[in-house]
Protein backbone atom coordinates (compact mmCIF):
# COMPACT_ATOMS: atom_id res chain seq x y z
CA MET A 1 121.18 85.81 99.10
CA GLY A 2 118.45 87.60 97.16
CA ASN A 3 118.83 90.74 99.28
CA TYR A 4 122.59 90.72 98.74
CA ARG A 5 122.17 90.48 94.97
CA ARG A 6 119.68 93.32 94.98
CA ARG A 7 122.04 95.48 97.04
CA MET A 8 124.93 94.73 94.68
CA ALA A 9 122.76 95.46 91.65
CA GLY A 10 121.69 98.73 93.24
CA LEU A 11 125.32 99.63 93.97
CA ARG A 12 126.34 98.90 90.37
CA ASP A 13 123.49 101.06 89.08
CA ARG A 14 124.51 103.94 91.34
CA LYS A 15 128.13 103.67 90.21
CA LYS A 16 127.05 103.65 86.57
CA GLN A 17 124.93 106.75 87.14
CA GLN A 18 127.80 108.47 88.95
CA THR A 19 130.15 107.71 86.04
CA HIS A 20 127.52 108.88 83.54
CA ASP A 21 127.05 112.18 85.37
CA ALA A 22 130.79 112.71 85.91
CA LEU A 23 131.47 112.24 82.21
CA SER A 24 128.82 114.71 81.19
CA GLU A 25 129.85 117.30 83.77
CA ALA A 26 133.49 117.04 82.69
CA ALA A 27 132.48 117.41 79.06
CA ILE A 28 130.24 120.42 79.65
CA ALA A 29 132.91 122.15 81.72
CA LEU A 30 135.41 121.72 78.89
CA PHE A 31 132.90 122.81 76.25
CA LEU A 32 132.11 125.99 78.18
CA GLU A 33 135.79 126.71 78.70
CA ARG A 34 137.10 126.02 75.18
CA GLY A 35 134.09 125.68 72.89
CA PHE A 36 132.45 122.49 71.67
CA ASP A 37 134.51 122.11 68.49
CA GLU A 38 137.80 122.62 70.32
CA VAL A 39 137.32 119.70 72.72
CA SER A 40 138.01 116.12 71.66
CA VAL A 41 136.57 112.92 73.08
CA ALA A 42 140.09 112.09 74.29
CA ASP A 43 140.15 115.38 76.21
CA ILE A 44 136.90 114.49 77.94
CA ALA A 45 138.00 110.95 78.77
CA ALA A 46 141.24 112.27 80.25
CA ALA A 47 139.41 114.89 82.33
CA ALA A 48 137.07 112.24 83.71
CA ASP A 49 139.93 109.74 84.17
CA VAL A 50 138.35 107.02 82.03
CA SER A 51 139.26 105.38 78.75
CA LYS A 52 137.63 106.34 75.45
CA PRO A 53 135.94 102.91 75.16
CA THR A 54 134.44 103.42 78.62
CA LEU A 55 133.16 106.85 77.61
CA PHE A 56 131.46 105.43 74.52
CA LYS A 57 129.68 102.85 76.66
CA TYR A 58 127.79 105.73 78.23
CA PHE A 59 127.50 108.24 75.36
CA ALA A 60 127.37 107.38 71.69
CA THR A 61 128.44 110.82 70.47
CA LYS A 62 130.13 113.98 71.70
CA GLN A 63 126.82 115.80 71.18
CA ASP A 64 125.10 113.44 73.59
CA LEU A 65 127.65 114.29 76.26
CA ALA A 66 126.53 117.91 76.07
CA LEU A 67 122.82 117.32 75.73
CA HIS A 68 122.04 114.60 78.24
CA ARG A 69 120.19 117.24 80.29
CA PHE A 70 117.70 117.48 77.44
CA ALA A 71 117.63 113.70 77.14
CA ASP A 72 116.43 113.60 80.75
CA HIS A 73 113.27 115.35 79.49
CA ALA A 74 112.83 112.99 76.53
CA GLN A 75 109.16 112.25 75.78
CA GLU A 76 108.18 114.28 78.83
CA ALA A 77 105.17 115.85 77.11
CA ALA A 78 103.83 112.42 76.19
CA ARG A 79 104.29 111.18 79.75
CA VAL A 80 102.48 114.22 81.14
CA VAL A 81 99.52 113.68 78.83
CA LEU A 82 99.29 109.95 79.49
CA ALA A 83 99.48 110.46 83.28
CA SER A 84 96.77 113.14 83.36
CA SER A 85 93.01 112.87 83.08
CA ALA A 86 92.83 116.53 82.04
CA ASP A 87 92.63 117.84 78.50
CA PRO A 88 96.13 117.57 76.93
CA VAL A 89 96.43 121.32 76.43
CA GLU A 90 95.52 121.98 80.05
CA ALA A 91 97.84 119.25 81.31
CA LEU A 92 100.83 120.61 79.38
CA ARG A 93 99.97 124.21 80.28
CA ASP A 94 99.94 123.35 83.98
CA HIS A 95 103.18 121.40 83.59
CA PHE A 96 104.87 124.35 81.90
CA LEU A 97 103.57 126.79 84.51
CA ALA A 98 104.90 124.55 87.27
CA GLY A 99 108.26 124.49 85.50
CA LEU A 100 108.30 128.28 85.39
CA LYS A 101 107.60 128.47 89.09
CA ARG A 102 110.51 126.21 89.99
CA ARG A 103 112.75 127.86 87.36
CA ASP A 104 113.23 124.66 85.40
CA PRO A 105 115.92 125.44 82.79
CA VAL A 106 113.84 123.74 80.10
CA THR A 107 111.36 126.63 80.33
CA GLY A 108 114.12 129.13 79.57
CA LEU A 109 113.48 130.86 82.90
CA ASN A 110 116.67 130.16 84.82
CA ASP A 111 119.27 132.90 85.10
CA HIS A 112 122.02 130.95 86.82
CA PRO A 113 125.21 131.94 84.96
CA GLU A 114 126.14 128.34 84.17
CA VAL A 115 122.67 127.63 82.78
CA LEU A 116 122.76 130.71 80.56
CA ALA A 117 126.26 129.82 79.38
CA PHE A 118 125.12 126.29 78.60
CA TYR A 119 122.18 127.49 76.50
CA ARG A 120 124.41 129.93 74.63
CA LEU A 121 126.72 127.00 73.90
CA VAL A 122 123.87 124.84 72.60
CA PHE A 123 122.17 127.48 70.46
CA GLY A 124 125.49 128.81 69.18
CA THR A 125 126.94 125.46 68.13
CA PRO A 126 125.42 124.06 64.91
CA ALA A 127 126.13 120.42 65.80
CA LEU A 128 124.39 120.80 69.16
CA ALA A 129 121.48 122.79 67.76
CA THR A 130 120.92 120.05 65.17
CA ARG A 131 120.99 117.33 67.82
CA LEU A 132 118.58 119.35 69.96
CA HIS A 133 116.14 119.54 67.05
CA GLN A 134 116.32 115.75 66.82
CA PHE A 135 115.29 115.52 70.48
CA ILE A 136 112.41 117.91 69.82
CA ALA A 137 111.25 115.92 66.79
CA ALA A 138 111.30 112.72 68.85
CA ASP A 139 109.28 114.42 71.59
CA GLN A 140 106.72 115.56 69.05
CA ALA A 141 106.40 112.07 67.58
CA ALA A 142 105.93 110.55 71.04
CA LEU A 143 103.30 113.14 71.93
CA ALA A 144 101.45 112.52 68.67
CA GLU A 145 101.35 108.82 69.49
CA ALA A 146 100.06 109.56 72.99
CA LEU A 147 97.34 111.83 71.61
CA GLY A 148 96.32 109.39 68.89
CA ASN A 149 93.64 110.44 66.41
CA GLY A 150 95.80 110.30 63.30
CA LEU A 151 96.44 113.57 61.50
CA ALA A 152 94.61 115.62 64.13
CA GLY A 153 96.86 114.22 66.83
CA GLU A 154 100.00 114.92 64.83
CA LEU A 155 98.92 118.51 64.19
CA GLN A 156 98.04 119.05 67.84
CA ALA A 157 101.39 117.61 68.93
CA ALA A 158 103.19 119.96 66.54
CA ASP A 159 101.28 122.93 67.98
CA LEU A 160 101.95 121.94 71.58
CA ILE A 161 105.66 121.27 71.17
CA SER A 162 106.16 124.41 69.09
CA THR A 163 104.36 126.48 71.71
CA GLN A 164 106.64 125.20 74.45
CA GLN A 165 109.72 125.94 72.34
CA VAL A 166 108.59 129.47 71.47
CA LEU A 167 107.83 130.28 75.10
CA SER A 168 111.17 128.89 76.27
CA ARG A 169 113.08 130.82 73.63
CA ARG A 170 111.31 134.06 74.57
CA ASN A 171 112.24 133.59 78.21
CA PHE A 172 115.85 132.80 77.33
CA ALA A 173 116.02 135.88 75.08
CA ALA A 174 114.73 138.06 77.91
CA LEU A 175 117.32 136.72 80.33
CA THR A 176 120.18 137.14 77.87
CA ALA A 177 119.02 140.75 77.44
CA GLY A 178 119.65 141.29 81.15
CA ILE A 179 116.23 140.74 82.69
CA THR A 180 116.32 138.60 85.82
CA ALA A 181 114.28 135.41 86.06
CA ASP A 182 112.22 136.90 88.89
CA ALA A 183 111.44 140.02 86.86
CA GLN A 184 110.55 137.96 83.78
CA TYR A 185 108.38 135.50 85.70
CA PRO A 186 105.05 137.44 85.55
CA THR A 187 105.49 138.01 81.81
CA ALA A 188 106.43 134.35 81.29
CA VAL A 189 103.31 133.19 83.12
CA ALA A 190 101.05 135.60 81.23
CA GLU A 191 102.51 134.59 77.86
CA ALA A 192 102.21 130.90 78.68
CA LYS A 193 98.56 131.26 79.64
CA LEU A 194 97.85 133.25 76.48
CA ALA A 195 99.68 130.77 74.26
CA TYR A 196 97.95 127.69 75.63
CA ARG A 197 94.57 129.45 75.64
CA ARG A 198 95.07 130.03 71.93
CA LEU A 199 95.49 126.30 71.45
CA THR A 200 92.19 125.55 73.17
CA ARG A 201 90.43 127.67 70.54
CA THR A 202 91.85 125.88 67.52
């Protein structure tokens, strides 16, 4: 009986995740096609074949439908620091470098057309850019808590999160200018190493 309940619970969780992902994918496809402000919640619900109340069980706002990919990285910096025995700067540098190598979109170094279109949507839509800044602020607060040490920890967290954002933006700018991810990769690695080395000297 216990095994059956666990299997059913696992099935329900998988179905919930499938619905969550389907809603977001439908929303992003519509946003890219029409623009964020031109798509209503009713449009998204209809595209995903669910009711509006069902949609709001999974996403509180239209912005969250677009930005759940960033939410998947929520408090990631804090988790990396807490899971590592290395110096926080080194741990986050290595994490960023690993992201560059696998072309993680969060590093800005992914030139898949849909990824580039998605970032243009986010940065070009005030409501999404504002929500993204809220995610970043929450990440910084979580990292400051993980670092501890009062004001010093808060300042270090601000430096670390800002560094990641600057590096990601520079990579994205290079790709939107027509440079391929593979061509940008050596520059991205060199800039990341330089940026994090600067933090070890402060």
